[in-house]
C-alpha atoms as a PDB file:
ATOM      1  CA  UNK A   1     104.157  91.432  87.458  1.00  0.00           C
ATOM      2  CA  UNK A   2     103.135  88.563  89.686  1.00  0.00           C
ATOM      3  CA  UNK A   3      99.813  88.820  91.464  1.00  0.00           C
ATOM      4  CA  UNK A   4      99.530  88.525  94.376  1.00  0.00           C
ATOM      5  CA  UNK A   5     103.041  89.479  95.424  1.00  0.00           C
ATOM      6  CA  UNK A   6     105.039  87.213  97.702  1.00  0.00           C
ATOM      7  CA  UNK A   7     105.349  90.007 100.267  1.00  0.00           C
ATOM      8  CA  UNK A   8     101.572  90.289 100.597  1.00  0.00           C
ATOM      9  CA  UNK A   9     101.163  86.518 100.791  1.00  0.00           C
ATOM     10  CA  UNK A  10     103.751  86.225 103.563  1.00  0.00           C
ATOM     11  CA  UNK A  11     101.603  88.487 105.758  1.00  0.00           C
ATOM     12  CA  UNK A  12      98.977  85.723 105.622  1.00  0.00           C
ATOM     13  CA  UNK A  13     101.201  82.624 105.697  1.00  0.00           C
ATOM     14  CA  UNK A  14     104.132  82.288 108.089  1.00  0.00           C
ATOM     15  CA  UNK A  15     106.702  80.873 105.630  1.00  0.00           C
ATOM     16  CA  UNK A  16     107.404  80.362 101.947  1.00  0.00           C
ATOM     17  CA  UNK A  17     107.443  76.604 102.482  1.00  0.00           C
ATOM     18  CA  UNK A  18     103.955  76.586 103.965  1.00  0.00           C
ATOM     19  CA  UNK A  19     102.733  78.767 101.120  1.00  0.00           C
ATOM     20  CA  UNK A  20     104.147  76.377  98.509  1.00  0.00           C
ATOM     21  CA  UNK A  21     102.630  73.376 100.283  1.00  0.00           C
ATOM     22  CA  UNK A  22      99.174  74.962 100.484  1.00  0.00           C
ATOM     23  CA  UNK A  23      99.177  76.343  96.937  1.00  0.00           C
ATOM     24  CA  UNK A  24     100.407  73.092  95.391  1.00  0.00           C
ATOM     25  CA  UNK A  25      97.776  71.054  97.210  1.00  0.00           C
ATOM     26  CA  UNK A  26      94.976  73.424  96.240  1.00  0.00           C
ATOM     27  CA  UNK A  27      96.202  73.530  92.642  1.00  0.00           C
ATOM     28  CA  UNK A  28      96.100  69.739  92.398  1.00  0.00           C
ATOM     29  CA  UNK A  29      92.627  69.780  93.940  1.00  0.00           C
ATOM     30  CA  UNK A  30      91.414  72.275  91.309  1.00  0.00           C
ATOM     31  CA  UNK A  31      92.751  70.076  88.505  1.00  0.00           C
ATOM     32  CA  UNK A  32      91.236  66.907  89.958  1.00  0.00           C
ATOM     33  CA  UNK A  33      87.792  68.225  90.894  1.00  0.00           C
ATOM     34  CA  UNK A  34      87.346  71.266  88.666  1.00  0.00           C
ATOM     35  CA  UNK A  35      86.035  73.188  91.684  1.00  0.00           C
ATOM     36  CA  UNK A  36      86.965  76.851  91.995  1.00  0.00           C
ATOM     37  CA  UNK A  37      85.934  79.116  94.867  1.00  0.00           C
ATOM     38  CA  UNK A  38      85.380  82.108  92.583  1.00  0.00           C
ATOM     39  CA  UNK A  39      83.985  82.398  89.067  1.00  0.00           C
ATOM     40  CA  UNK A  40      86.740  81.703  86.538  1.00  0.00           C
ATOM     41  CA  UNK A  41      86.425  85.222  85.101  1.00  0.00           C
ATOM     42  CA  UNK A  42      87.401  86.776  88.463  1.00  0.00           C
ATOM     43  CA  UNK A  43      90.834  85.124  88.562  1.00  0.00           C
ATOM     44  CA  UNK A  44      93.735  87.149  87.187  1.00  0.00           C
ATOM     45  CA  UNK A  45      95.904  84.072  86.658  1.00  0.00           C
ATOM     46  CA  UNK A  46      95.234  81.487  83.977  1.00  0.00           C
ATOM     47  CA  UNK A  47      97.160  78.710  85.749  1.00  0.00           C
ATOM     48  CA  UNK A  48      95.819  76.784  88.722  1.00  0.00           C
ATOM     49  CA  UNK A  49      98.856  77.515  90.886  1.00  0.00           C
ATOM     50  CA  UNK A  50      98.295  81.245  90.441  1.00  0.00           C
ATOM     51  CA  UNK A  51      94.597  80.806  91.142  1.00  0.00           C
ATOM     52  CA  UNK A  52      95.427  78.938  94.340  1.00  0.00           C
ATOM     53  CA  UNK A  53      97.675  81.812  95.445  1.00  0.00           C
ATOM     54  CA  UNK A  54      94.858  84.262  94.690  1.00  0.00           C
ATOM     55  CA  UNK A  55      92.535  82.208  96.898  1.00  0.00           C
ATOM     56  CA  UNK A  56      95.052  82.358  99.739  1.00  0.00           C
ATOM     57  CA  UNK A  57      95.346  86.128  99.300  1.00  0.00           C
ATOM     58  CA  UNK A  58      91.547  86.561  99.226  1.00  0.00           C
ATOM     59  CA  UNK A  59      91.250  84.514 102.459  1.00  0.00           C
ATOM     60  CA  UNK A  60      89.274  81.801 100.720  1.00  0.00           C
ATOM     61  CA  UNK A  61      91.788  79.290 102.074  1.00  0.00           C
ATOM     62  CA  UNK A  62      92.247  79.660 105.797  1.00  0.00           C
ATOM     63  CA  UNK A  63      95.756  79.129 107.080  1.00  0.00           C
ATOM     64  CA  UNK A  64      96.450  78.461 110.742  1.00  0.00           C
ATOM     65  CA  UNK A  65      99.582  80.171 111.912  1.00  0.00           C
ATOM     66  CA  UNK A  66     101.350  77.962 114.343  1.00  0.00           C
END
């Protein structure tokens, strides 16, 4: 099972394309800087892309709906 689900994420972000853009950028940032907004043990995903999606779901990344 994928966490968080796409349905829940789309209540926060207006489109799948925006979600992919945000998650990919944040994932690259995590790899480059090693900075995470939560302790590593609190993430359910082991991959940075999943961790970025978790941050979006937890409102740690603010998305402007336009």
